[in-house]
Amino acid sequence: QITTVSGNEFLLQSDIDFLILDWFHAIKNAIDRLSKERSCTPRNLEFKLRRSSSIELLNNLDTESKDPKPEHRKSLIFRLNYSTSDTNDRNRVKSRLKKFISRRPSLKTLQEKGLIRDQIFGSHLHVVCEHEKSTVPQFVRLCINAVEKRGLDVDGIYRVSGNLATIQKLRFVVNQEEKLNLDDSQWEDIHVVTGALKMFFRELPEPLFPYCFFEQFVEAIKIQDNVSRIKSVRSLVKKLPRPNYETMKILFGHLEKIAAKESVNLMSTQSLGIVFGPTLLRPEKETGNMAVHMLYQNQIVELMLSEYSKIFGSEED
């Protein structure tokens, strides 16, 4: 999400993480370049996405003080004049809105009356689990079961994007209805199911790998000795809150089955690491090099898939 100096907001969305990174660098480089080339501050930034996924940045500058052409200045600056009656009407509307908002019931009251359900997407993992009285969200289990039932052999499973409109429809159904049947014909495209599952993890307010563990996992993956590296990652996994640990164990066990079918679905542990790395773990504040962080994120997921039995197995193993 991008907010410009003038208050305009833009949302760029893609399921392909490396594409998002390309967008970020293209936008940042353009802003840095413009700030050096122009003596005035960029006022508006418009982003055009082309089929080639390249980004063209068009910069409209507020040149009121420098542009001698009044007709050009008028195209960039808009003034709205209101009469006294218009102002009074607006004030009355504001007053009514304030009264309406102050009298409306609280979210808690609506939830207690059953008028609004607790959301599945966008809620903290432990909140979803507490509500369902489980350690793994039911939606995650349903998606995994559906994929293992009819998606293990599908080429590019989890890499190929499903129809976004259908994924959003599934998201709405999950948030609004108690029962979900993924065998329904409207969810026939397995890429819609995998897209919704990835969206669920992306929209967690805190990732599956909690923020406080991010740097610890990064330090663990940097260890050169493979035995020590696995031991360190295993130790960190065991320290995770129970909902995070149980959900992670089931998810990675599922992804291990995907990787075992690499010869058919063309999804190796490395491919799955690229897809799930930035989705499952990320720093709370992006202060370093995003490309370096993404590399570590991918490597952590890849290691946990390739060494699944050692990391999630019993102590005796």
C-alpha atoms as a PDB file:
ATOM      1  CA  GLN A   1       0.000   0.000   0.000  1.00  0.00           C
ATOM      2  CA  ILE A   2       1.357   3.400  -1.010  1.00  0.00           C
ATOM      3  CA  THR A   3       0.219   6.761   0.354  1.00  0.00           C
ATOM      4  CA  THR A   4       1.483   9.862  -1.465  1.00  0.00           C
ATOM      5  CA  VAL A   5       2.255  13.261   0.013  1.00  0.00           C
ATOM      6  CA  SER A   6      -1.089  14.566  -1.258  1.00  0.00           C
ATOM      7  CA  GLY A   7      -2.992  11.762   0.493  1.00  0.00           C
ATOM      8  CA  ASN A   8      -3.751   9.565  -2.514  1.00  0.00           C
ATOM      9  CA  GLU A   9      -3.617   5.847  -1.751  1.00  0.00           C
ATOM     10  CA  PHE A  10      -2.682   2.998  -4.086  1.00  0.00           C
ATOM     11  CA  LEU A  11      -2.862  -0.752  -3.498  1.00  0.00           C
ATOM     12  CA  LEU A  12      -0.619  -3.014  -5.587  1.00  0.00           C
ATOM     13  CA  GLN A  13      -1.398  -6.691  -5.118  1.00  0.00           C
ATOM     14  CA  SER A  14       0.171  -9.885  -6.431  1.00  0.00           C
ATOM     15  CA  ASP A  15       0.594 -13.471  -5.228  1.00  0.00           C
ATOM     16  CA  ILE A  16       4.114 -13.496  -6.703  1.00  0.00           C
ATOM     17  CA  ASP A  17       6.499 -12.298  -4.002  1.00  0.00           C
ATOM     18  CA  PHE A  18       9.502 -11.532  -6.214  1.00  0.00           C
ATOM     19  CA  LEU A  19       7.240  -9.398  -8.423  1.00  0.00           C
ATOM     20  CA  ILE A  20       6.174  -7.374  -5.385  1.00  0.00           C
ATOM     21  CA  LEU A  21       9.861  -6.862  -4.584  1.00  0.00           C
ATOM     22  CA  ASP A  22      10.480  -5.625  -8.146  1.00  0.00           C
ATOM     23  CA  TRP A  23       7.617  -3.152  -7.761  1.00  0.00           C
ATOM     24  CA  PHE A  24       9.024  -1.902  -4.465  1.00  0.00           C
ATOM     25  CA  HIS A  25      12.472  -1.267  -5.925  1.00  0.00           C
ATOM     26  CA  ALA A  26      11.064   0.368  -9.086  1.00  0.00           C
ATOM     27  CA  ILE A  27       8.922   2.766  -7.057  1.00  0.00           C
ATOM     28  CA  LYS A  28      11.689   3.550  -4.565  1.00  0.00           C
ATOM     29  CA  ASN A  29      14.260   4.172  -7.309  1.00  0.00           C
ATOM     30  CA  ALA A  30      11.864   6.440  -9.211  1.00  0.00           C
ATOM     31  CA  ILE A  31      11.114   8.498  -6.103  1.00  0.00           C
ATOM     32  CA  ASP A  32      14.826   8.796  -5.288  1.00  0.00           C
ATOM     33  CA  ARG A  33      15.591   9.840  -8.859  1.00  0.00           C
ATOM     34  CA  LEU A  34      12.796  12.424  -8.959  1.00  0.00           C
ATOM     35  CA  SER A  35      13.847  13.953  -5.661  1.00  0.00           C
ATOM     36  CA  LYS A  36      17.322  14.552  -7.121  1.00  0.00           C
ATOM     37  CA  GLU A  37      16.171  15.795 -10.528  1.00  0.00           C
ATOM     38  CA  ARG A  38      13.423  18.119  -9.285  1.00  0.00           C
ATOM     39  CA  SER A  39      13.855  21.043  -6.974  1.00  0.00           C
ATOM     40  CA  CYS A  40      10.247  20.793  -5.778  1.00  0.00           C
ATOM     41  CA  THR A  41       8.560  17.939  -3.932  1.00  0.00           C
ATOM     42  CA  PRO A  42       6.484  15.382  -5.904  1.00  0.00           C
ATOM     43  CA  ARG A  43       2.821  15.969  -5.123  1.00  0.00           C
ATOM     44  CA  ASN A  44       1.098  13.073  -6.843  1.00  0.00           C
ATOM     45  CA  LEU A  45       2.322   9.675  -7.987  1.00  0.00           C
ATOM     46  CA  GLU A  46       0.263   7.546 -10.356  1.00  0.00           C
ATOM     47  CA  PHE A  47       1.163   3.895 -10.992  1.00  0.00           C
ATOM     48  CA  LYS A  48       0.309   2.038 -14.212  1.00  0.00           C
ATOM     49  CA  LEU A  49       0.736  -1.747 -14.281  1.00  0.00           C
ATOM     50  CA  ARG A  50       1.350  -3.243 -17.712  1.00  0.00           C
ATOM     51  CA  ARG A  51       1.092  -6.858 -18.824  1.00  0.00           C
ATOM     52  CA  SER A  52       4.861  -7.098 -18.729  1.00  0.00           C
ATOM     53  CA  SER A  53       4.564  -6.208 -15.017  1.00  0.00           C
ATOM     54  CA  SER A  54       6.740  -3.132 -15.521  1.00  0.00           C
ATOM     55  CA  ILE A  55       5.812   0.071 -13.716  1.00  0.00           C
ATOM     56  CA  GLU A  56       5.594   3.512 -15.209  1.00  0.00           C
ATOM     57  CA  LEU A  57       5.675   6.315 -12.715  1.00  0.00           C
ATOM     58  CA  LEU A  58       4.017   9.528 -13.795  1.00  0.00           C
ATOM     59  CA  ASN A  59       4.850  12.500 -11.641  1.00  0.00           C
ATOM     60  CA  ASN A  60       2.417  15.443 -11.514  1.00  0.00           C
ATOM     61  CA  LEU A  61       3.975  18.374  -9.749  1.00  0.00           C
ATOM     62  CA  ASP A  62       2.245  21.250  -8.083  1.00  0.00           C
ATOM     63  CA  THR A  63       3.905  24.055 -10.082  1.00  0.00           C
ATOM     64  CA  GLU A  64       1.749  26.950  -8.969  1.00  0.00           C
ATOM     65  CA  SER A  65       4.794  28.976  -7.987  1.00  0.00           C
ATOM     66  CA  LYS A  66       6.926  28.191 -11.038  1.00  0.00           C
ATOM     67  CA  ASP A  67       4.676  27.471 -14.041  1.00  0.00           C
ATOM     68  CA  PRO A  68       3.969  30.702 -15.931  1.00  0.00           C
ATOM     69  CA  LYS A  69       1.130  29.131 -17.908  1.00  0.00           C
ATOM     70  CA  PRO A  70      -2.123  29.619 -15.996  1.00  0.00           C
ATOM     71  CA  GLU A  71      -4.010  27.093 -18.122  1.00  0.00           C
ATOM     72  CA  HIS A  72      -1.512  24.377 -17.136  1.00  0.00           C
ATOM     73  CA  ARG A  73      -1.690  25.463 -13.508  1.00  0.00           C
ATOM     74  CA  LYS A  74      -5.480  25.091 -13.563  1.00  0.00           C
ATOM     75  CA  SER A  75      -5.142  21.499 -14.757  1.00  0.00           C
ATOM     76  CA  LEU A  76      -3.172  20.611 -11.650  1.00  0.00           C
ATOM     77  CA  ILE A  77      -4.859  22.705  -8.977  1.00  0.00           C
ATOM     78  CA  PHE A  78      -8.518  22.462  -8.157  1.00  0.00           C
ATOM     79  CA  ARG A  79     -10.410  24.886  -5.980  1.00  0.00           C
ATOM     80  CA  LEU A  80     -13.910  24.205  -4.681  1.00  0.00           C
ATOM     81  CA  ASN A  81     -16.089  27.156  -3.730  1.00  0.00           C
ATOM     82  CA  TYR A  82     -19.066  26.620  -1.436  1.00  0.00           C
ATOM     83  CA  SER A  83     -21.939  28.943  -0.755  1.00  0.00           C
ATOM     84  CA  THR A  84     -23.170  29.619   2.766  1.00  0.00           C
ATOM     85  CA  SER A  85     -26.153  27.338   2.226  1.00  0.00           C
ATOM     86  CA  ASP A  86     -23.826  24.543   1.078  1.00  0.00           C
ATOM     87  CA  THR A  87     -21.806  24.946   4.262  1.00  0.00           C
ATOM     88  CA  ASN A  88     -24.927  24.798   6.435  1.00  0.00           C
ATOM     89  CA  ASP A  89     -26.110  21.649   4.640  1.00  0.00           C
ATOM     90  CA  ARG A  90     -22.756  19.991   5.175  1.00  0.00           C
ATOM     91  CA  ASN A  91     -22.776  20.887   8.865  1.00  0.00           C
ATOM     92  CA  ARG A  92     -26.266  19.403   9.291  1.00  0.00           C
ATOM     93  CA  VAL A  93     -25.166  16.181   7.588  1.00  0.00           C
ATOM     94  CA  LYS A  94     -22.088  15.985   9.828  1.00  0.00           C
ATOM     95  CA  SER A  95     -24.223  16.498  12.915  1.00  0.00           C
ATOM     96  CA  ARG A  96     -26.629  13.739  11.912  1.00  0.00           C
ATOM     97  CA  LEU A  97     -23.794  11.361  11.134  1.00  0.00           C
ATOM     98  CA  LYS A  98     -22.197  12.004  14.520  1.00  0.00           C
ATOM     99  CA  LYS A  99     -25.483  11.249  16.285  1.00  0.00           C
ATOM    100  CA  PHE A 100     -25.971   8.089  14.240  1.00  0.00           C
ATOM    101  CA  ILE A 101     -22.434   6.834  14.963  1.00  0.00           C
ATOM    102  CA  SER A 102     -22.689   7.620  18.681  1.00  0.00           C
ATOM    103  CA  ARG A 103     -25.981   5.681  18.960  1.00  0.00           C
ATOM    104  CA  ARG A 104     -24.989   2.605  16.994  1.00  0.00           C
ATOM    105  CA  PRO A 105     -24.261  -0.586  19.018  1.00  0.00           C
ATOM    106  CA  SER A 106     -20.680  -1.653  19.677  1.00  0.00           C
ATOM    107  CA  LEU A 107     -18.985  -4.443  17.745  1.00  0.00           C
ATOM    108  CA  LYS A 108     -19.024  -6.598  20.889  1.00  0.00           C
ATOM    109  CA  THR A 109     -22.806  -6.145  21.241  1.00  0.00           C
ATOM    110  CA  LEU A 110     -23.396  -7.113  17.609  1.00  0.00           C
ATOM    111  CA  GLN A 111     -21.196 -10.173  18.040  1.00  0.00           C
ATOM    112  CA  GLU A 112     -23.037 -11.214  21.221  1.00  0.00           C
ATOM    113  CA  LYS A 113     -26.369 -10.962  19.350  1.00  0.00           C
ATOM    114  CA  GLY A 114     -24.969 -13.099  16.553  1.00  0.00           C
ATOM    115  CA  LEU A 115     -25.351 -10.322  13.974  1.00  0.00           C
ATOM    116  CA  ILE A 116     -21.607 -10.228  13.291  1.00  0.00           C
ATOM    117  CA  ARG A 117     -19.365 -13.279  13.432  1.00  0.00           C
ATOM    118  CA  ASP A 118     -15.741 -13.262  14.461  1.00  0.00           C
ATOM    119  CA  GLN A 119     -13.667 -12.976  11.331  1.00  0.00           C
ATOM    120  CA  ILE A 120     -11.399 -15.837  10.287  1.00  0.00           C
ATOM    121  CA  PHE A 121      -9.304 -13.877   7.802  1.00  0.00           C
ATOM    122  CA  GLY A 122      -7.392 -11.030   9.415  1.00  0.00           C
ATOM    123  CA  SER A 123      -7.694 -12.298  12.997  1.00  0.00           C
ATOM    124  CA  HIS A 124      -4.795 -13.373  15.190  1.00  0.00           C
ATOM    125  CA  LEU A 125      -4.071 -17.092  14.975  1.00  0.00           C
ATOM    126  CA  HIS A 126      -4.607 -17.693  18.690  1.00  0.00           C
ATOM    127  CA  VAL A 127      -7.952 -15.826  18.564  1.00  0.00           C
ATOM    128  CA  VAL A 128      -9.223 -18.066  15.742  1.00  0.00           C
ATOM    129  CA  CYS A 129      -8.072 -21.174  17.627  1.00  0.00           C
ATOM    130  CA  GLU A 130      -9.617 -20.030  20.917  1.00  0.00           C
ATOM    131  CA  HIS A 131     -12.924 -19.349  19.173  1.00  0.00           C
ATOM    132  CA  GLU A 132     -12.907 -22.796  17.537  1.00  0.00           C
ATOM    133  CA  LYS A 133     -11.509 -24.481  20.668  1.00  0.00           C
ATOM    134  CA  SER A 134      -8.696 -26.004  18.619  1.00  0.00           C
ATOM    135  CA  THR A 135      -4.981 -25.585  18.045  1.00  0.00           C
ATOM    136  CA  VAL A 136      -5.202 -25.452  14.232  1.00  0.00           C
ATOM    137  CA  PRO A 137      -7.786 -23.315  12.376  1.00  0.00           C
ATOM    138  CA  GLN A 138     -10.490 -25.448  10.777  1.00  0.00           C
ATOM    139  CA  PHE A 139     -10.114 -23.547   7.505  1.00  0.00           C
ATOM    140  CA  VAL A 140      -6.448 -24.544   7.294  1.00  0.00           C
ATOM    141  CA  ARG A 141      -7.334 -28.203   7.820  1.00  0.00           C
ATOM    142  CA  LEU A 142     -10.091 -28.060   5.182  1.00  0.00           C
ATOM    143  CA  CYS A 143      -7.783 -26.498   2.590  1.00  0.00           C
ATOM    144  CA  ILE A 144      -4.997 -28.995   3.253  1.00  0.00           C
ATOM    145  CA  ASN A 145      -7.413 -31.918   2.994  1.00  0.00           C
ATOM    146  CA  ALA A 146      -8.814 -30.576  -0.285  1.00  0.00           C
ATOM    147  CA  VAL A 147      -5.359 -30.101  -1.811  1.00  0.00           C
ATOM    148  CA  GLU A 148      -4.175 -33.547  -0.731  1.00  0.00           C
ATOM    149  CA  LYS A 149      -7.369 -35.028  -2.133  1.00  0.00           C
ATOM    150  CA  ARG A 150      -7.221 -33.457  -5.594  1.00  0.00           C
ATOM    151  CA  GLY A 151      -4.168 -31.235  -5.965  1.00  0.00           C
ATOM    152  CA  LEU A 152      -0.934 -33.125  -5.195  1.00  0.00           C
ATOM    153  CA  ASP A 153      -0.342 -33.910  -8.874  1.00  0.00           C
ATOM    154  CA  VAL A 154      -1.358 -30.495 -10.233  1.00  0.00           C
ATOM    155  CA  ASP A 155       1.405 -28.682 -12.109  1.00  0.00           C
ATOM    156  CA  GLY A 156       2.555 -25.581 -10.188  1.00  0.00           C
ATOM    157  CA  ILE A 157       0.346 -26.186  -7.161  1.00  0.00           C
ATOM    158  CA  TYR A 158       0.681 -23.163  -4.791  1.00  0.00           C
ATOM    159  CA  ARG A 159       2.758 -21.336  -7.413  1.00  0.00           C
ATOM    160  CA  VAL A 160      -0.043 -20.797  -9.942  1.00  0.00           C
ATOM    161  CA  SER A 161      -2.537 -18.102  -8.924  1.00  0.00           C
ATOM    162  CA  GLY A 162      -6.260 -18.805  -8.854  1.00  0.00           C
ATOM    163  CA  ASN A 163      -8.961 -16.371  -9.947  1.00  0.00           C
ATOM    164  CA  LEU A 164      -8.736 -13.480  -7.455  1.00  0.00           C
ATOM    165  CA  ALA A 165     -12.466 -12.696  -7.584  1.00  0.00           C
ATOM    166  CA  THR A 166     -13.321 -16.320  -6.718  1.00  0.00           C
ATOM    167  CA  ILE A 167     -10.697 -16.345  -3.951  1.00  0.00           C
ATOM    168  CA  GLN A 168     -12.257 -13.205  -2.465  1.00  0.00           C
ATOM    169  CA  LYS A 169     -15.678 -14.855  -2.698  1.00  0.00           C
ATOM    170  CA  LEU A 170     -14.335 -17.861  -0.787  1.00  0.00           C
ATOM    171  CA  ARG A 171     -12.832 -15.512   1.780  1.00  0.00           C
ATOM    172  CA  PHE A 172     -16.231 -13.854   2.256  1.00  0.00           C
ATOM    173  CA  VAL A 173     -17.967 -17.226   2.665  1.00  0.00           C
ATOM    174  CA  VAL A 174     -15.424 -18.345   5.274  1.00  0.00           C
ATOM    175  CA  ASN A 175     -15.923 -15.137   7.270  1.00  0.00           C
ATOM    176  CA  GLN A 176     -19.731 -15.211   7.087  1.00  0.00           C
ATOM    177  CA  GLU A 177     -20.784 -18.857   7.241  1.00  0.00           C
ATOM    178  CA  GLU A 178     -20.234 -21.573   9.826  1.00  0.00           C
ATOM    179  CA  LYS A 179     -19.976 -24.473   7.378  1.00  0.00           C
ATOM    180  CA  LEU A 180     -17.724 -24.640   4.337  1.00  0.00           C
ATOM    181  CA  ASN A 181     -17.790 -27.345   1.690  1.00  0.00           C
ATOM    182  CA  LEU A 182     -14.704 -27.141  -0.509  1.00  0.00           C
ATOM    183  CA  ASP A 183     -16.077 -29.995  -2.624  1.00  0.00           C
ATOM    184  CA  ASP A 184     -18.725 -27.587  -3.933  1.00  0.00           C
ATOM    185  CA  SER A 185     -18.393 -27.033  -7.698  1.00  0.00           C
ATOM    186  CA  GLN A 186     -17.725 -23.295  -7.248  1.00  0.00           C
ATOM    187  CA  TRP A 187     -14.401 -24.180  -5.579  1.00  0.00           C
ATOM    188  CA  GLU A 188     -13.534 -26.747  -8.243  1.00  0.00           C
ATOM    189  CA  ASP A 189     -10.354 -24.920  -9.273  1.00  0.00           C
ATOM    190  CA  ILE A 190      -7.814 -26.136  -6.719  1.00  0.00           C
ATOM    191  CA  HIS A 191      -5.742 -22.986  -7.316  1.00  0.00           C
ATOM    192  CA  VAL A 192      -8.585 -21.003  -5.716  1.00  0.00           C
ATOM    193  CA  VAL A 193      -8.260 -23.146  -2.574  1.00  0.00           C
ATOM    194  CA  THR A 194      -4.460 -22.749  -2.434  1.00  0.00           C
ATOM    195  CA  GLY A 195      -4.792 -19.024  -3.137  1.00  0.00           C
ATOM    196  CA  ALA A 196      -7.231 -18.638  -0.253  1.00  0.00           C
ATOM    197  CA  LEU A 197      -4.959 -20.580   2.093  1.00  0.00           C
ATOM    198  CA  LYS A 198      -1.990 -18.360   1.207  1.00  0.00           C
ATOM    199  CA  MET A 199      -4.210 -15.288   1.679  1.00  0.00           C
ATOM    200  CA  PHE A 200      -5.224 -16.524   5.138  1.00  0.00           C
ATOM    201  CA  PHE A 201      -1.575 -16.678   6.229  1.00  0.00           C
ATOM    202  CA  ARG A 202      -0.724 -13.342   4.565  1.00  0.00           C
ATOM    203  CA  GLU A 203      -3.559 -11.577   6.374  1.00  0.00           C
ATOM    204  CA  LEU A 204      -2.604 -12.769   9.855  1.00  0.00           C
ATOM    205  CA  PRO A 205      -1.869  -9.610  11.898  1.00  0.00           C
ATOM    206  CA  GLU A 206       1.230 -11.445  13.119  1.00  0.00           C
ATOM    207  CA  PRO A 207       2.795 -14.091  10.857  1.00  0.00           C
ATOM    208  CA  LEU A 208       2.838 -17.817  11.604  1.00  0.00           C
ATOM    209  CA  PHE A 209       6.466 -17.261  12.702  1.00  0.00           C
ATOM    210  CA  PRO A 210       5.890 -14.576  15.401  1.00  0.00           C
ATOM    211  CA  TYR A 211       7.747 -11.298  15.000  1.00  0.00           C
ATOM    212  CA  CYS A 212       9.834 -11.856  18.130  1.00  0.00           C
ATOM    213  CA  PHE A 213      11.251 -15.049  16.577  1.00  0.00           C
ATOM    214  CA  PHE A 214      12.212 -13.594  13.189  1.00  0.00           C
ATOM    215  CA  GLU A 215      15.782 -12.545  13.971  1.00  0.00           C
ATOM    216  CA  GLN A 216      16.383 -15.785  15.886  1.00  0.00           C
ATOM    217  CA  PHE A 217      15.387 -17.896  12.890  1.00  0.00           C
ATOM    218  CA  VAL A 218      17.567 -15.747  10.623  1.00  0.00           C
ATOM    219  CA  GLU A 219      20.564 -16.251  12.928  1.00  0.00           C
ATOM    220  CA  ALA A 220      19.866 -19.993  13.014  1.00  0.00           C
ATOM    221  CA  ILE A 221      19.796 -20.330   9.221  1.00  0.00           C
ATOM    222  CA  LYS A 222      23.162 -18.549   9.014  1.00  0.00           C
ATOM    223  CA  ILE A 223      24.881 -21.350  10.970  1.00  0.00           C
ATOM    224  CA  GLN A 224      27.334 -23.115   8.641  1.00  0.00           C
ATOM    225  CA  ASP A 225      27.285 -26.574  10.223  1.00  0.00           C
ATOM    226  CA  ASN A 226      24.148 -28.360   8.999  1.00  0.00           C
ATOM    227  CA  VAL A 227      23.640 -30.458  12.152  1.00  0.00           C
ATOM    228  CA  SER A 228      23.893 -27.391  14.397  1.00  0.00           C
ATOM    229  CA  ARG A 229      21.637 -25.405  12.066  1.00  0.00           C
ATOM    230  CA  ILE A 230      18.895 -28.053  12.194  1.00  0.00           C
ATOM    231  CA  LYS A 231      19.246 -28.347  15.973  1.00  0.00           C
ATOM    232  CA  SER A 232      18.914 -24.581  16.409  1.00  0.00           C
ATOM    233  CA  VAL A 233      15.829 -24.339  14.166  1.00  0.00           C
ATOM    234  CA  ARG A 234      14.248 -27.311  15.947  1.00  0.00           C
ATOM    235  CA  SER A 235      14.827 -25.648  19.316  1.00  0.00           C
ATOM    236  CA  LEU A 236      13.151 -22.429  18.140  1.00  0.00           C
ATOM    237  CA  VAL A 237      10.182 -24.312  16.697  1.00  0.00           C
ATOM    238  CA  LYS A 238       9.621 -26.057  20.027  1.00  0.00           C
ATOM    239  CA  LYS A 239       9.429 -22.663  21.769  1.00  0.00           C
ATOM    240  CA  LEU A 240       6.588 -21.362  19.581  1.00  0.00           C
ATOM    241  CA  PRO A 241       3.102 -20.817  21.066  1.00  0.00           C
ATOM    242  CA  ARG A 242       1.050 -23.979  20.706  1.00  0.00           C
ATOM    243  CA  PRO A 243      -1.324 -22.728  17.941  1.00  0.00           C
ATOM    244  CA  ASN A 244       1.696 -21.579  15.914  1.00  0.00           C
ATOM    245  CA  TYR A 245       3.562 -24.850  16.464  1.00  0.00           C
ATOM    246  CA  GLU A 246       0.615 -27.137  15.702  1.00  0.00           C
ATOM    247  CA  THR A 247      -0.446 -25.147  12.628  1.00  0.00           C
ATOM    248  CA  MET A 248       3.132 -25.013  11.402  1.00  0.00           C
ATOM    249  CA  LYS A 249       3.597 -28.754  11.894  1.00  0.00           C
ATOM    250  CA  ILE A 250       0.484 -29.607   9.897  1.00  0.00           C
ATOM    251  CA  LEU A 251       1.249 -27.066   7.152  1.00  0.00           C
ATOM    252  CA  PHE A 252       4.869 -28.161   6.679  1.00  0.00           C
ATOM    253  CA  GLY A 253       3.855 -31.821   6.775  1.00  0.00           C
ATOM    254  CA  HIS A 254       1.437 -31.033   3.960  1.00  0.00           C
ATOM    255  CA  LEU A 255       4.044 -29.105   1.963  1.00  0.00           C
ATOM    256  CA  GLU A 256       6.460 -32.020   2.396  1.00  0.00           C
ATOM    257  CA  LYS A 257       3.900 -34.193   0.590  1.00  0.00           C
ATOM    258  CA  ILE A 258       3.747 -31.586  -2.181  1.00  0.00           C
ATOM    259  CA  ALA A 259       7.542 -31.641  -2.540  1.00  0.00           C
ATOM    260  CA  ALA A 260       7.536 -35.472  -2.617  1.00  0.00           C
ATOM    261  CA  LYS A 261       5.512 -35.213  -5.862  1.00  0.00           C
ATOM    262  CA  GLU A 262       8.009 -32.817  -7.467  1.00  0.00           C
ATOM    263  CA  SER A 263       8.434 -35.015 -10.539  1.00  0.00           C
ATOM    264  CA  VAL A 264       4.732 -34.495 -11.319  1.00  0.00           C
ATOM    265  CA  ASN A 265       3.792 -31.070  -9.908  1.00  0.00           C
ATOM    266  CA  LEU A 266       7.216 -29.451 -10.496  1.00  0.00           C
ATOM    267  CA  MET A 267       7.219 -27.960  -6.996  1.00  0.00           C
ATOM    268  CA  SER A 268      10.528 -28.555  -5.222  1.00  0.00           C
ATOM    269  CA  THR A 269      11.369 -27.543  -1.659  1.00  0.00           C
ATOM    270  CA  GLN A 270      13.144 -24.538  -3.149  1.00  0.00           C
ATOM    271  CA  SER A 271      10.041 -23.515  -5.130  1.00  0.00           C
ATOM    272  CA  LEU A 272       7.855 -23.864  -2.040  1.00  0.00           C
ATOM    273  CA  GLY A 273      10.382 -21.825  -0.048  1.00  0.00           C
ATOM    274  CA  ILE A 274      10.080 -18.992  -2.580  1.00  0.00           C
ATOM    275  CA  VAL A 275       6.273 -19.122  -2.417  1.00  0.00           C
ATOM    276  CA  PHE A 276       5.850 -19.445   1.352  1.00  0.00           C
ATOM    277  CA  GLY A 277       8.954 -17.731   2.769  1.00  0.00           C
ATOM    278  CA  PRO A 278       7.697 -14.110   2.800  1.00  0.00           C
ATOM    279  CA  THR A 279       4.137 -15.315   3.555  1.00  0.00           C
ATOM    280  CA  LEU A 280       4.979 -17.169   6.771  1.00  0.00           C
ATOM    281  CA  LEU A 281       7.714 -15.037   8.310  1.00  0.00           C
ATOM    282  CA  ARG A 282       8.749 -11.422   8.039  1.00  0.00           C
ATOM    283  CA  PRO A 283      10.216  -8.731  10.310  1.00  0.00           C
ATOM    284  CA  GLU A 284       7.836  -6.444  12.162  1.00  0.00           C
ATOM    285  CA  LYS A 285       9.628  -3.397  10.754  1.00  0.00           C
ATOM    286  CA  GLU A 286      11.442  -3.501   7.450  1.00  0.00           C
ATOM    287  CA  THR A 287      14.740  -1.844   8.341  1.00  0.00           C
ATOM    288  CA  GLY A 288      17.296  -3.842   6.365  1.00  0.00           C
ATOM    289  CA  ASN A 289      17.699  -5.113   2.850  1.00  0.00           C
ATOM    290  CA  MET A 290      14.430  -6.681   1.668  1.00  0.00           C
ATOM    291  CA  ALA A 291      16.206  -8.901  -0.859  1.00  0.00           C
ATOM    292  CA  VAL A 292      18.500 -10.332   1.843  1.00  0.00           C
ATOM    293  CA  HIS A 293      15.554 -10.909   4.189  1.00  0.00           C
ATOM    294  CA  MET A 294      13.666 -12.680   1.425  1.00  0.00           C
ATOM    295  CA  LEU A 295      16.641 -14.957   0.808  1.00  0.00           C
ATOM    296  CA  TYR A 296      16.727 -15.995   4.484  1.00  0.00           C
ATOM    297  CA  GLN A 297      12.938 -16.413   4.571  1.00  0.00           C
ATOM    298  CA  ASN A 298      13.088 -18.781   1.615  1.00  0.00           C
ATOM    299  CA  GLN A 299      16.018 -20.733   3.070  1.00  0.00           C
ATOM    300  CA  ILE A 300      14.269 -21.206   6.431  1.00  0.00           C
ATOM    301  CA  VAL A 301      11.161 -22.677   4.802  1.00  0.00           C
ATOM    302  CA  GLU A 302      13.280 -24.824   2.483  1.00  0.00           C
ATOM    303  CA  LEU A 303      15.313 -26.234   5.394  1.00  0.00           C
ATOM    304  CA  MET A 304      12.208 -27.003   7.445  1.00  0.00           C
ATOM    305  CA  LEU A 305      10.726 -28.901   4.500  1.00  0.00           C
ATOM    306  CA  SER A 306      13.838 -30.869   3.608  1.00  0.00           C
ATOM    307  CA  GLU A 307      14.512 -31.718   7.291  1.00  0.00           C
ATOM    308  CA  TYR A 308      10.883 -31.959   8.404  1.00  0.00           C
ATOM    309  CA  SER A 309      11.226 -35.238  10.327  1.00  0.00           C
ATOM    310  CA  LYS A 310      14.259 -33.995  12.285  1.00  0.00           C
ATOM    311  CA  ILE A 311      12.698 -30.632  13.149  1.00  0.00           C
ATOM    312  CA  PHE A 312       9.171 -31.763  14.013  1.00  0.00           C
ATOM    313  CA  GLY A 313       9.899 -35.348  15.083  1.00  0.00           C
ATOM    314  CA  SER A 314      10.068 -36.643  18.645  1.00  0.00           C
ATOM    315  CA  GLU A 315      13.184 -36.283  20.766  1.00  0.00           C
ATOM    316  CA  GLU A 316      14.021 -39.942  20.158  1.00  0.00           C
ATOM    317  CA  ASP A 317      14.158 -39.280  16.404  1.00  0.00           C
END
